[in-house]
């Protein structure tokens, strides 16, 4: 294994990977466990992943599958819960309204099913296309579309105060000075 290449990859993408893990789990400690398990599995396959030339896509898919596997192993041992804590390492001072919006979004995401949450994370936080999200999840594009639709409807129901984030398809939303209309979510 190319230890230095692996360390460089992890160092360069640690923030990104931590954010995905947190968004998938909704819990800082579970996110740390998910990230650690993903990186352990990635390290044992690093040479093959580098040879294939797709480490970002591979680690994303590996993390999602590790998340689902961990959930399946532990689903009967513990109940899901929401958290009001933000992940460590927020960049710069946050305005109160932005903090409230993030908390509301976190709480709403935590109430989605795991598949819906994964689709929302991949499509709107990772900005993947429907085809790329389908590939990462190992499902059809139709499944991604339906899960996205159900998740957006559920987010509208759970947190109507997030109307600036979750719009009807085709409407434009402006958040933090930028306009987005990708299926109605701005993240």
N, C-alpha and C. Protein backbone atom coordinates (compact mmCIF):
# COMPACT_ATOMS: atom_id res chain seq x y z
N UNK A 1 0.84 -1.18 0.00
CA UNK A 1 0.00 0.00 0.00
C UNK A 1 0.88 1.25 0.00
N UNK A 2 0.45 2.26 -0.70
CA UNK A 2 1.13 3.55 -0.75
C UNK A 2 0.67 4.37 0.46
N UNK A 3 1.39 4.20 1.59
CA UNK A 3 0.99 4.85 2.84
C UNK A 3 0.92 6.37 2.71
N UNK A 4 1.90 6.96 2.06
CA UNK A 4 1.92 8.41 1.94
C UNK A 4 0.77 8.90 1.08
N UNK A 5 0.47 8.20 -0.01
CA UNK A 5 -0.65 8.58 -0.87
C UNK A 5 -1.98 8.48 -0.13
N UNK A 6 -2.12 7.44 0.67
CA UNK A 6 -3.34 7.26 1.45
C UNK A 6 -3.46 8.39 2.48
N UNK A 7 -2.38 8.69 3.18
CA UNK A 7 -2.40 9.77 4.18
C UNK A 7 -2.74 11.11 3.51
N UNK A 8 -2.16 11.36 2.35
CA UNK A 8 -2.44 12.60 1.63
C UNK A 8 -3.92 12.68 1.24
N UNK A 9 -4.46 11.57 0.75
CA UNK A 9 -5.87 11.52 0.37
C UNK A 9 -6.76 11.83 1.58
N UNK A 10 -6.50 11.16 2.68
CA UNK A 10 -7.31 11.35 3.89
C UNK A 10 -7.18 12.78 4.40
N UNK A 11 -5.96 13.29 4.44
CA UNK A 11 -5.74 14.66 4.92
C UNK A 11 -6.49 15.67 4.05
N UNK A 12 -6.45 15.49 2.74
CA UNK A 12 -7.10 16.43 1.83
C UNK A 12 -8.62 16.37 1.90
N UNK A 13 -9.17 15.23 2.26
CA UNK A 13 -10.62 15.06 2.20
C UNK A 13 -11.28 14.82 3.56
N UNK A 14 -10.55 14.99 4.62
CA UNK A 14 -11.08 14.68 5.94
C UNK A 14 -12.32 15.51 6.28
N UNK A 15 -12.30 16.79 5.98
CA UNK A 15 -13.46 17.64 6.26
C UNK A 15 -14.68 17.20 5.48
N UNK A 16 -14.49 16.92 4.20
CA UNK A 16 -15.56 16.45 3.32
C UNK A 16 -16.13 15.13 3.82
N UNK A 17 -15.26 14.19 4.13
CA UNK A 17 -15.70 12.88 4.61
C UNK A 17 -16.40 12.98 5.96
N UNK A 18 -15.90 13.82 6.84
CA UNK A 18 -16.52 14.02 8.15
C UNK A 18 -17.93 14.59 8.00
N UNK A 19 -18.08 15.53 7.08
CA UNK A 19 -19.38 16.15 6.85
C UNK A 19 -20.38 15.13 6.32
N UNK A 20 -19.96 14.32 5.36
CA UNK A 20 -20.86 13.29 4.83
C UNK A 20 -21.25 12.31 5.93
N UNK A 21 -20.27 11.88 6.71
CA UNK A 21 -20.56 10.93 7.79
C UNK A 21 -21.54 11.53 8.79
N UNK A 22 -21.36 12.79 9.12
CA UNK A 22 -22.27 13.44 10.06
C UNK A 22 -23.67 13.57 9.47
N UNK A 23 -23.75 13.96 8.23
CA UNK A 23 -25.06 14.11 7.60
C UNK A 23 -25.77 12.77 7.49
N UNK A 24 -25.04 11.71 7.26
CA UNK A 24 -25.65 10.38 7.19
C UNK A 24 -26.13 9.89 8.55
N UNK A 25 -25.36 10.15 9.59
CA UNK A 25 -25.69 9.59 10.90
C UNK A 25 -26.48 10.54 11.78
N UNK A 26 -26.26 11.84 11.64
CA UNK A 26 -26.93 12.81 12.50
C UNK A 26 -26.37 12.85 13.91
N UNK A 27 -25.25 12.21 14.14
CA UNK A 27 -24.64 12.14 15.47
C UNK A 27 -23.13 12.21 15.32
N UNK A 28 -22.50 13.09 16.07
CA UNK A 28 -21.06 13.30 15.93
C UNK A 28 -20.26 12.04 16.23
N UNK A 29 -20.63 11.34 17.29
CA UNK A 29 -19.87 10.14 17.67
C UNK A 29 -20.08 9.00 16.67
N UNK A 30 -21.31 8.84 16.22
CA UNK A 30 -21.58 7.81 15.21
C UNK A 30 -20.86 8.16 13.91
N UNK A 31 -20.78 9.45 13.59
CA UNK A 31 -20.07 9.88 12.38
C UNK A 31 -18.59 9.56 12.48
N UNK A 32 -18.01 9.76 13.66
CA UNK A 32 -16.59 9.42 13.84
C UNK A 32 -16.36 7.93 13.67
N UNK A 33 -17.27 7.12 14.22
CA UNK A 33 -17.16 5.66 14.06
C UNK A 33 -17.30 5.26 12.60
N UNK A 34 -18.28 5.85 11.92
CA UNK A 34 -18.50 5.55 10.51
C UNK A 34 -17.27 5.92 9.69
N UNK A 35 -16.73 7.09 9.93
CA UNK A 35 -15.54 7.54 9.19
C UNK A 35 -14.36 6.62 9.47
N UNK A 36 -14.15 6.26 10.71
CA UNK A 36 -13.04 5.38 11.06
C UNK A 36 -13.19 4.02 10.37
N UNK A 37 -14.36 3.43 10.43
CA UNK A 37 -14.58 2.12 9.80
C UNK A 37 -14.42 2.20 8.29
N UNK A 38 -14.88 3.30 7.70
CA UNK A 38 -14.74 3.48 6.26
C UNK A 38 -13.27 3.59 5.87
N UNK A 39 -12.51 4.37 6.62
CA UNK A 39 -11.09 4.55 6.30
C UNK A 39 -10.29 3.27 6.53
N UNK A 40 -10.67 2.49 7.51
CA UNK A 40 -10.00 1.19 7.72
C UNK A 40 -10.23 0.30 6.51
N UNK A 41 -11.48 0.23 6.06
CA UNK A 41 -11.77 -0.60 4.89
C UNK A 41 -11.10 -0.06 3.64
N UNK A 42 -11.07 1.27 3.50
CA UNK A 42 -10.42 1.89 2.34
C UNK A 42 -8.92 1.60 2.33
N UNK A 43 -8.29 1.66 3.49
CA UNK A 43 -6.83 1.45 3.54
C UNK A 43 -6.44 0.06 3.06
N UNK A 44 -7.27 -0.93 3.35
CA UNK A 44 -6.93 -2.29 2.92
C UNK A 44 -7.09 -2.48 1.41
N UNK A 45 -7.80 -1.57 0.76
CA UNK A 45 -8.03 -1.66 -0.68
C UNK A 45 -7.38 -0.52 -1.45
N UNK A 46 -6.58 0.28 -0.78
CA UNK A 46 -6.08 1.52 -1.36
C UNK A 46 -5.39 1.34 -2.70
N UNK A 47 -4.52 0.36 -2.83
CA UNK A 47 -3.79 0.15 -4.09
C UNK A 47 -4.74 -0.08 -5.25
N UNK A 48 -5.75 -0.89 -5.04
CA UNK A 48 -6.73 -1.18 -6.11
C UNK A 48 -7.57 0.05 -6.43
N UNK A 49 -7.94 0.81 -5.40
CA UNK A 49 -8.75 2.01 -5.61
C UNK A 49 -7.97 3.04 -6.41
N UNK A 50 -6.71 3.23 -6.07
CA UNK A 50 -5.87 4.19 -6.80
C UNK A 50 -5.68 3.73 -8.24
N UNK A 51 -5.48 2.43 -8.43
CA UNK A 51 -5.29 1.90 -9.79
C UNK A 51 -6.54 2.11 -10.63
N UNK A 52 -7.72 2.04 -10.00
CA UNK A 52 -8.98 2.26 -10.73
C UNK A 52 -9.18 3.74 -11.03
N UNK A 53 -8.52 4.62 -10.27
CA UNK A 53 -8.58 6.05 -10.54
C UNK A 53 -9.82 6.76 -10.03
N UNK A 54 -10.57 6.14 -9.13
CA UNK A 54 -11.80 6.77 -8.64
C UNK A 54 -11.90 6.74 -7.12
N UNK A 55 -10.92 7.27 -6.40
CA UNK A 55 -10.98 7.17 -4.94
C UNK A 55 -12.15 7.93 -4.31
N UNK A 56 -12.52 9.09 -4.85
CA UNK A 56 -13.64 9.84 -4.26
C UNK A 56 -14.94 9.07 -4.38
N UNK A 57 -15.22 8.57 -5.57
CA UNK A 57 -16.45 7.81 -5.77
C UNK A 57 -16.44 6.53 -4.94
N UNK A 58 -15.29 5.90 -4.86
CA UNK A 58 -15.20 4.64 -4.11
C UNK A 58 -15.41 4.87 -2.62
N UNK A 59 -14.79 5.89 -2.06
CA UNK A 59 -14.93 6.13 -0.62
C UNK A 59 -16.35 6.57 -0.28
N UNK A 60 -17.00 7.31 -1.18
CA UNK A 60 -18.39 7.72 -0.96
C UNK A 60 -19.29 6.49 -0.91
N UNK A 61 -19.12 5.60 -1.87
CA UNK A 61 -19.94 4.38 -1.92
C UNK A 61 -19.63 3.49 -0.71
N UNK A 62 -18.36 3.38 -0.38
CA UNK A 62 -17.94 2.57 0.76
C UNK A 62 -18.56 3.11 2.06
N UNK A 63 -18.57 4.43 2.22
CA UNK A 63 -19.13 5.02 3.42
C UNK A 63 -20.63 4.76 3.50
N UNK A 64 -21.33 4.93 2.39
CA UNK A 64 -22.77 4.67 2.41
C UNK A 64 -23.05 3.22 2.78
N UNK A 65 -22.33 2.28 2.17
CA UNK A 65 -22.56 0.86 2.46
C UNK A 65 -22.18 0.52 3.90
N UNK A 66 -21.13 1.11 4.41
CA UNK A 66 -20.74 0.90 5.81
C UNK A 66 -21.81 1.45 6.74
N UNK A 67 -22.38 2.59 6.38
CA UNK A 67 -23.45 3.20 7.17
C UNK A 67 -24.67 2.28 7.23
N UNK A 68 -25.08 1.77 6.09
CA UNK A 68 -26.24 0.87 6.05
C UNK A 68 -25.95 -0.42 6.82
N UNK A 69 -24.75 -0.96 6.65
CA UNK A 69 -24.39 -2.20 7.37
C UNK A 69 -24.40 -1.99 8.88
N UNK A 70 -23.84 -0.88 9.33
CA UNK A 70 -23.82 -0.59 10.76
C UNK A 70 -25.24 -0.42 11.29
N UNK A 71 -26.07 0.24 10.52
CA UNK A 71 -27.45 0.44 10.94
C UNK A 71 -28.17 -0.90 11.04
N UNK A 72 -27.97 -1.76 10.07
CA UNK A 72 -28.62 -3.07 10.10
C UNK A 72 -28.17 -3.89 11.31
N UNK A 73 -26.88 -3.81 11.62
CA UNK A 73 -26.36 -4.56 12.77
C UNK A 73 -26.92 -4.05 14.09
N UNK A 74 -27.14 -2.75 14.18
CA UNK A 74 -27.50 -2.16 15.47
C UNK A 74 -28.95 -1.70 15.57
N UNK A 75 -29.75 -1.86 14.54
CA UNK A 75 -31.09 -1.26 14.56
C UNK A 75 -31.96 -1.75 15.70
N UNK A 76 -31.81 -2.99 16.09
CA UNK A 76 -32.64 -3.49 17.18
C UNK A 76 -32.03 -3.20 18.56
N UNK A 77 -30.81 -2.69 18.60
CA UNK A 77 -30.16 -2.41 19.87
C UNK A 77 -30.37 -0.98 20.36
N UNK A 78 -30.66 -0.07 19.43
CA UNK A 78 -30.84 1.31 19.86
C UNK A 78 -31.84 2.02 18.95
N UNK A 79 -32.48 3.02 19.50
CA UNK A 79 -33.44 3.82 18.74
C UNK A 79 -32.72 5.05 18.19
N UNK A 80 -33.25 5.56 17.09
CA UNK A 80 -32.69 6.79 16.54
C UNK A 80 -33.08 7.96 17.42
N UNK A 81 -32.26 8.98 17.43
CA UNK A 81 -32.58 10.20 18.16
C UNK A 81 -31.97 11.37 17.42
N UNK A 82 -32.55 12.53 17.66
CA UNK A 82 -32.02 13.73 17.03
C UNK A 82 -31.08 14.41 18.01
N UNK A 83 -30.27 15.26 17.48
CA UNK A 83 -29.32 15.98 18.32
C UNK A 83 -29.37 17.45 17.97
N UNK A 84 -29.17 18.27 18.95
CA UNK A 84 -29.15 19.71 18.73
C UNK A 84 -27.73 20.23 18.60
N UNK A 85 -26.74 19.33 18.66
CA UNK A 85 -25.34 19.75 18.57
C UNK A 85 -24.90 19.84 17.12
N UNK A 86 -24.15 20.88 16.82
CA UNK A 86 -23.53 21.01 15.51
C UNK A 86 -22.21 20.27 15.53
N UNK A 87 -21.75 19.81 14.38
CA UNK A 87 -20.44 19.16 14.36
C UNK A 87 -19.34 20.16 14.70
N UNK A 88 -18.25 19.66 15.26
CA UNK A 88 -17.11 20.51 15.58
C UNK A 88 -16.49 21.04 14.30
N UNK A 89 -15.78 22.13 14.41
CA UNK A 89 -14.99 22.63 13.29
C UNK A 89 -15.74 23.56 12.37
N UNK A 90 -16.79 24.22 12.85
CA UNK A 90 -17.49 25.17 12.00
C UNK A 90 -16.53 26.30 11.64
N UNK A 91 -16.55 26.71 10.39
CA UNK A 91 -15.62 27.73 9.91
C UNK A 91 -16.18 29.12 10.16
N UNK A 92 -15.51 29.88 10.99
CA UNK A 92 -15.89 31.26 11.23
C UNK A 92 -17.12 31.42 12.09
N UNK A 93 -17.41 32.66 12.47
CA UNK A 93 -18.58 32.91 13.30
C UNK A 93 -19.86 32.72 12.50
N UNK A 94 -20.87 32.16 13.14
CA UNK A 94 -22.15 31.90 12.51
C UNK A 94 -23.16 32.93 12.98
N UNK A 95 -24.01 33.37 12.09
CA UNK A 95 -25.08 34.26 12.47
C UNK A 95 -26.19 33.43 13.10
N UNK A 96 -26.96 34.02 13.97
CA UNK A 96 -28.01 33.30 14.70
C UNK A 96 -29.02 32.65 13.76
N UNK A 97 -29.46 33.37 12.75
CA UNK A 97 -30.46 32.81 11.83
C UNK A 97 -29.92 31.60 11.09
N UNK A 98 -28.66 31.68 10.69
CA UNK A 98 -28.03 30.55 9.99
C UNK A 98 -27.92 29.34 10.92
N UNK A 99 -27.60 29.58 12.17
CA UNK A 99 -27.49 28.49 13.14
C UNK A 99 -28.84 27.84 13.37
N UNK A 100 -29.87 28.63 13.52
CA UNK A 100 -31.22 28.09 13.71
C UNK A 100 -31.63 27.28 12.49
N UNK A 101 -31.35 27.81 11.31
CA UNK A 101 -31.70 27.09 10.08
C UNK A 101 -30.97 25.76 10.00
N UNK A 102 -29.70 25.74 10.36
CA UNK A 102 -28.94 24.49 10.33
C UNK A 102 -29.50 23.48 11.32
N UNK A 103 -29.86 23.95 12.52
CA UNK A 103 -30.43 23.04 13.52
C UNK A 103 -31.76 22.47 13.04
N UNK A 104 -32.59 23.32 12.47
CA UNK A 104 -33.87 22.84 11.95
C UNK A 104 -33.66 21.82 10.84
N UNK A 105 -32.71 22.09 9.96
CA UNK A 105 -32.42 21.17 8.87
C UNK A 105 -31.89 19.85 9.41
N UNK A 106 -30.98 19.90 10.37
CA UNK A 106 -30.45 18.67 10.97
C UNK A 106 -31.56 17.84 11.60
N UNK A 107 -32.43 18.50 12.35
CA UNK A 107 -33.52 17.78 13.01
C UNK A 107 -34.47 17.18 11.99
N UNK A 108 -34.76 17.91 10.93
CA UNK A 108 -35.64 17.38 9.89
C UNK A 108 -34.98 16.22 9.16
N UNK A 109 -33.69 16.34 8.83
CA UNK A 109 -32.98 15.25 8.16
C UNK A 109 -32.96 13.99 9.03
N UNK A 110 -32.84 14.16 10.33
CA UNK A 110 -32.79 13.02 11.24
C UNK A 110 -34.11 12.25 11.26
N UNK A 111 -35.19 12.90 10.87
CA UNK A 111 -36.50 12.25 10.88
C UNK A 111 -36.82 11.54 9.56
N UNK A 112 -35.96 11.71 8.56
CA UNK A 112 -36.15 11.00 7.29
C UNK A 112 -35.69 9.56 7.46
N UNK A 113 -36.14 8.70 6.54
CA UNK A 113 -35.61 7.34 6.54
C UNK A 113 -34.15 7.42 6.12
N UNK A 114 -33.40 6.38 6.38
CA UNK A 114 -31.98 6.37 6.03
C UNK A 114 -31.78 6.51 4.52
N UNK A 115 -32.62 5.87 3.73
CA UNK A 115 -32.48 5.98 2.27
C UNK A 115 -32.78 7.40 1.82
N UNK A 116 -33.83 8.00 2.37
CA UNK A 116 -34.17 9.36 2.00
C UNK A 116 -33.05 10.32 2.39
N UNK A 117 -32.53 10.15 3.58
CA UNK A 117 -31.43 11.01 4.05
C UNK A 117 -30.22 10.85 3.14
N UNK A 118 -29.89 9.61 2.79
CA UNK A 118 -28.73 9.37 1.92
C UNK A 118 -28.92 10.03 0.56
N UNK A 119 -30.12 9.95 0.00
CA UNK A 119 -30.38 10.57 -1.30
C UNK A 119 -30.24 12.09 -1.19
N UNK A 120 -30.79 12.68 -0.14
CA UNK A 120 -30.69 14.13 0.03
C UNK A 120 -29.23 14.55 0.20
N UNK A 121 -28.48 13.82 0.99
CA UNK A 121 -27.06 14.15 1.19
C UNK A 121 -26.31 14.07 -0.13
N UNK A 122 -26.50 12.98 -0.87
CA UNK A 122 -25.76 12.82 -2.13
C UNK A 122 -26.19 13.84 -3.18
N UNK A 123 -27.49 14.08 -3.30
CA UNK A 123 -27.97 14.97 -4.35
C UNK A 123 -27.71 16.45 -4.05
N UNK A 124 -27.93 16.87 -2.80
CA UNK A 124 -27.93 18.30 -2.52
C UNK A 124 -26.74 18.79 -1.70
N UNK A 125 -26.14 17.95 -0.90
CA UNK A 125 -24.95 18.36 -0.17
C UNK A 125 -23.70 17.99 -0.96
N UNK A 126 -23.74 16.85 -1.64
CA UNK A 126 -22.61 16.42 -2.47
C UNK A 126 -22.78 16.87 -3.92
N UNK A 127 -23.97 17.35 -4.27
CA UNK A 127 -24.28 17.87 -5.61
C UNK A 127 -24.06 16.83 -6.71
N UNK A 128 -24.43 15.58 -6.43
CA UNK A 128 -24.32 14.52 -7.44
C UNK A 128 -25.55 14.52 -8.33
N UNK A 129 -25.37 14.09 -9.56
CA UNK A 129 -26.51 13.92 -10.46
C UNK A 129 -27.32 12.72 -10.01
N UNK A 130 -28.53 12.58 -10.56
CA UNK A 130 -29.35 11.41 -10.22
C UNK A 130 -28.62 10.12 -10.57
N UNK A 131 -27.95 10.10 -11.72
CA UNK A 131 -27.24 8.90 -12.15
C UNK A 131 -26.07 8.58 -11.21
N UNK A 132 -25.33 9.60 -10.80
CA UNK A 132 -24.20 9.37 -9.89
C UNK A 132 -24.68 8.93 -8.51
N UNK A 133 -25.77 9.52 -8.04
CA UNK A 133 -26.33 9.12 -6.74
C UNK A 133 -26.82 7.68 -6.82
N UNK A 134 -27.46 7.32 -7.93
CA UNK A 134 -27.95 5.95 -8.10
C UNK A 134 -26.78 4.96 -8.08
N UNK A 135 -25.71 5.32 -8.75
CA UNK A 135 -24.53 4.45 -8.77
C UNK A 135 -23.92 4.32 -7.37
N UNK A 136 -23.81 5.44 -6.66
CA UNK A 136 -23.24 5.40 -5.31
C UNK A 136 -24.07 4.56 -4.36
N UNK A 137 -25.38 4.57 -4.54
CA UNK A 137 -26.27 3.82 -3.66
C UNK A 137 -26.55 2.41 -4.15
N UNK A 138 -26.19 2.14 -5.39
CA UNK A 138 -26.45 0.82 -5.95
C UNK A 138 -27.92 0.58 -6.24
N UNK A 139 -28.63 1.65 -6.64
CA UNK A 139 -30.05 1.55 -6.96
C UNK A 139 -30.30 2.17 -8.33
N UNK A 140 -31.54 2.08 -8.80
CA UNK A 140 -31.87 2.65 -10.11
C UNK A 140 -32.07 4.16 -10.00
N UNK A 141 -32.02 4.83 -11.14
CA UNK A 141 -32.27 6.27 -11.18
C UNK A 141 -33.70 6.56 -10.73
N UNK A 142 -34.63 5.69 -11.11
CA UNK A 142 -36.02 5.85 -10.69
C UNK A 142 -36.17 5.82 -9.17
N UNK A 143 -35.40 4.96 -8.53
CA UNK A 143 -35.44 4.89 -7.06
C UNK A 143 -34.91 6.19 -6.46
N UNK A 144 -33.84 6.72 -7.04
CA UNK A 144 -33.30 8.00 -6.56
C UNK A 144 -34.35 9.09 -6.72
N UNK A 145 -35.02 9.13 -7.87
CA UNK A 145 -36.04 10.15 -8.11
C UNK A 145 -37.19 10.02 -7.12
N UNK A 146 -37.68 8.81 -6.91
CA UNK A 146 -38.81 8.64 -6.00
C UNK A 146 -38.41 8.93 -4.55
N UNK A 147 -37.23 8.47 -4.14
CA UNK A 147 -36.78 8.74 -2.77
C UNK A 147 -36.57 10.24 -2.57
N UNK A 148 -36.05 10.92 -3.59
CA UNK A 148 -35.87 12.37 -3.50
C UNK A 148 -37.21 13.07 -3.35
N UNK A 149 -38.17 12.68 -4.17
CA UNK A 149 -39.50 13.28 -4.11
C UNK A 149 -40.14 13.07 -2.75
N UNK A 150 -40.08 11.85 -2.24
CA UNK A 150 -40.66 11.55 -0.93
C UNK A 150 -39.93 12.32 0.18
N UNK A 151 -38.61 12.39 0.07
CA UNK A 151 -37.82 13.09 1.09
C UNK A 151 -38.13 14.58 1.11
N UNK A 152 -38.22 15.19 -0.08
CA UNK A 152 -38.53 16.62 -0.14
C UNK A 152 -39.93 16.90 0.41
N UNK A 153 -40.88 16.05 0.08
CA UNK A 153 -42.24 16.22 0.60
C UNK A 153 -42.23 16.10 2.13
N UNK A 154 -41.48 15.14 2.63
CA UNK A 154 -41.40 14.94 4.09
C UNK A 154 -40.72 16.13 4.75
N UNK A 155 -39.67 16.67 4.13
CA UNK A 155 -39.00 17.86 4.68
C UNK A 155 -39.95 19.05 4.72
N UNK A 156 -40.77 19.22 3.68
CA UNK A 156 -41.75 20.31 3.67
C UNK A 156 -42.75 20.14 4.80
N UNK A 157 -43.13 18.89 5.06
CA UNK A 157 -44.08 18.58 6.13
C UNK A 157 -43.45 18.78 7.51
N UNK A 158 -42.23 18.29 7.68
CA UNK A 158 -41.56 18.33 8.99
C UNK A 158 -41.12 19.73 9.40
N UNK A 159 -40.69 20.50 8.44
CA UNK A 159 -40.10 21.81 8.76
C UNK A 159 -40.54 22.87 7.76
N UNK A 160 -41.80 23.28 7.83
CA UNK A 160 -42.26 24.30 6.88
C UNK A 160 -41.49 25.61 7.01
N UNK A 161 -40.89 25.83 8.20
CA UNK A 161 -40.11 27.05 8.39
C UNK A 161 -38.83 27.06 7.54
N UNK A 162 -38.50 25.94 6.94
CA UNK A 162 -37.34 25.87 6.04
C UNK A 162 -37.75 26.13 4.59
N UNK A 163 -38.83 26.86 4.42
CA UNK A 163 -39.33 27.10 3.07
C UNK A 163 -38.29 27.71 2.13
N UNK A 164 -37.31 28.42 2.66
CA UNK A 164 -36.26 28.98 1.81
C UNK A 164 -35.34 27.89 1.28
N UNK A 165 -35.32 26.73 1.93
CA UNK A 165 -34.50 25.61 1.47
C UNK A 165 -35.29 24.66 0.60
N UNK A 166 -36.52 24.38 0.99
CA UNK A 166 -37.32 23.35 0.33
C UNK A 166 -38.48 24.02 -0.39
N UNK A 167 -38.33 24.23 -1.67
CA UNK A 167 -39.35 24.86 -2.49
C UNK A 167 -40.03 23.80 -3.35
N UNK A 168 -41.15 24.18 -3.90
CA UNK A 168 -41.79 23.31 -4.88
C UNK A 168 -40.87 23.22 -6.09
N UNK A 169 -40.86 22.08 -6.80
CA UNK A 169 -40.00 21.95 -7.98
C UNK A 169 -40.23 23.10 -8.96
N UNK A 170 -39.15 23.66 -9.45
CA UNK A 170 -39.23 24.73 -10.42
C UNK A 170 -39.12 26.12 -9.80
N UNK A 171 -39.46 26.27 -8.52
CA UNK A 171 -39.33 27.56 -7.86
C UNK A 171 -37.87 27.80 -7.54
N UNK A 172 -37.51 29.06 -7.42
CA UNK A 172 -36.12 29.39 -7.09
C UNK A 172 -36.05 29.78 -5.63
N UNK A 173 -35.01 29.35 -4.99
CA UNK A 173 -34.78 29.71 -3.58
C UNK A 173 -33.45 30.43 -3.50
N UNK A 174 -33.40 31.46 -2.67
CA UNK A 174 -32.16 32.20 -2.50
C UNK A 174 -31.73 32.07 -1.04
N UNK A 175 -30.55 31.51 -0.83
CA UNK A 175 -30.00 31.34 0.51
C UNK A 175 -28.55 31.76 0.47
N UNK A 176 -28.15 32.52 1.43
CA UNK A 176 -26.76 32.98 1.53
C UNK A 176 -26.29 33.67 0.26
N UNK A 177 -27.21 34.39 -0.39
CA UNK A 177 -26.83 35.16 -1.55
C UNK A 177 -26.70 34.39 -2.84
N UNK A 178 -27.08 33.11 -2.88
CA UNK A 178 -26.98 32.36 -4.13
C UNK A 178 -28.33 31.72 -4.42
N UNK A 179 -28.66 31.63 -5.68
CA UNK A 179 -29.94 31.06 -6.08
C UNK A 179 -29.75 29.63 -6.54
N UNK A 180 -30.67 28.78 -6.13
CA UNK A 180 -30.65 27.38 -6.52
C UNK A 180 -32.08 26.95 -6.80
N UNK A 181 -32.25 26.03 -7.72
CA UNK A 181 -33.58 25.46 -7.89
C UNK A 181 -33.52 23.98 -8.21
N UNK A 182 -32.44 23.31 -7.88
CA UNK A 182 -32.29 21.89 -8.17
C UNK A 182 -33.34 21.11 -7.40
N UNK A 183 -34.40 20.73 -8.08
CA UNK A 183 -35.51 19.99 -7.47
C UNK A 183 -35.99 20.63 -6.18
N UNK A 184 -35.77 21.91 -6.03
CA UNK A 184 -36.35 22.61 -4.91
C UNK A 184 -35.53 22.71 -3.65
N UNK A 185 -34.30 22.29 -3.65
CA UNK A 185 -33.51 22.38 -2.41
C UNK A 185 -32.28 23.21 -2.65
N UNK A 186 -32.02 24.10 -1.74
CA UNK A 186 -30.77 24.83 -1.73
C UNK A 186 -30.05 24.45 -0.47
N UNK A 187 -28.81 24.00 -0.60
CA UNK A 187 -28.07 23.59 0.60
C UNK A 187 -26.78 24.33 0.69
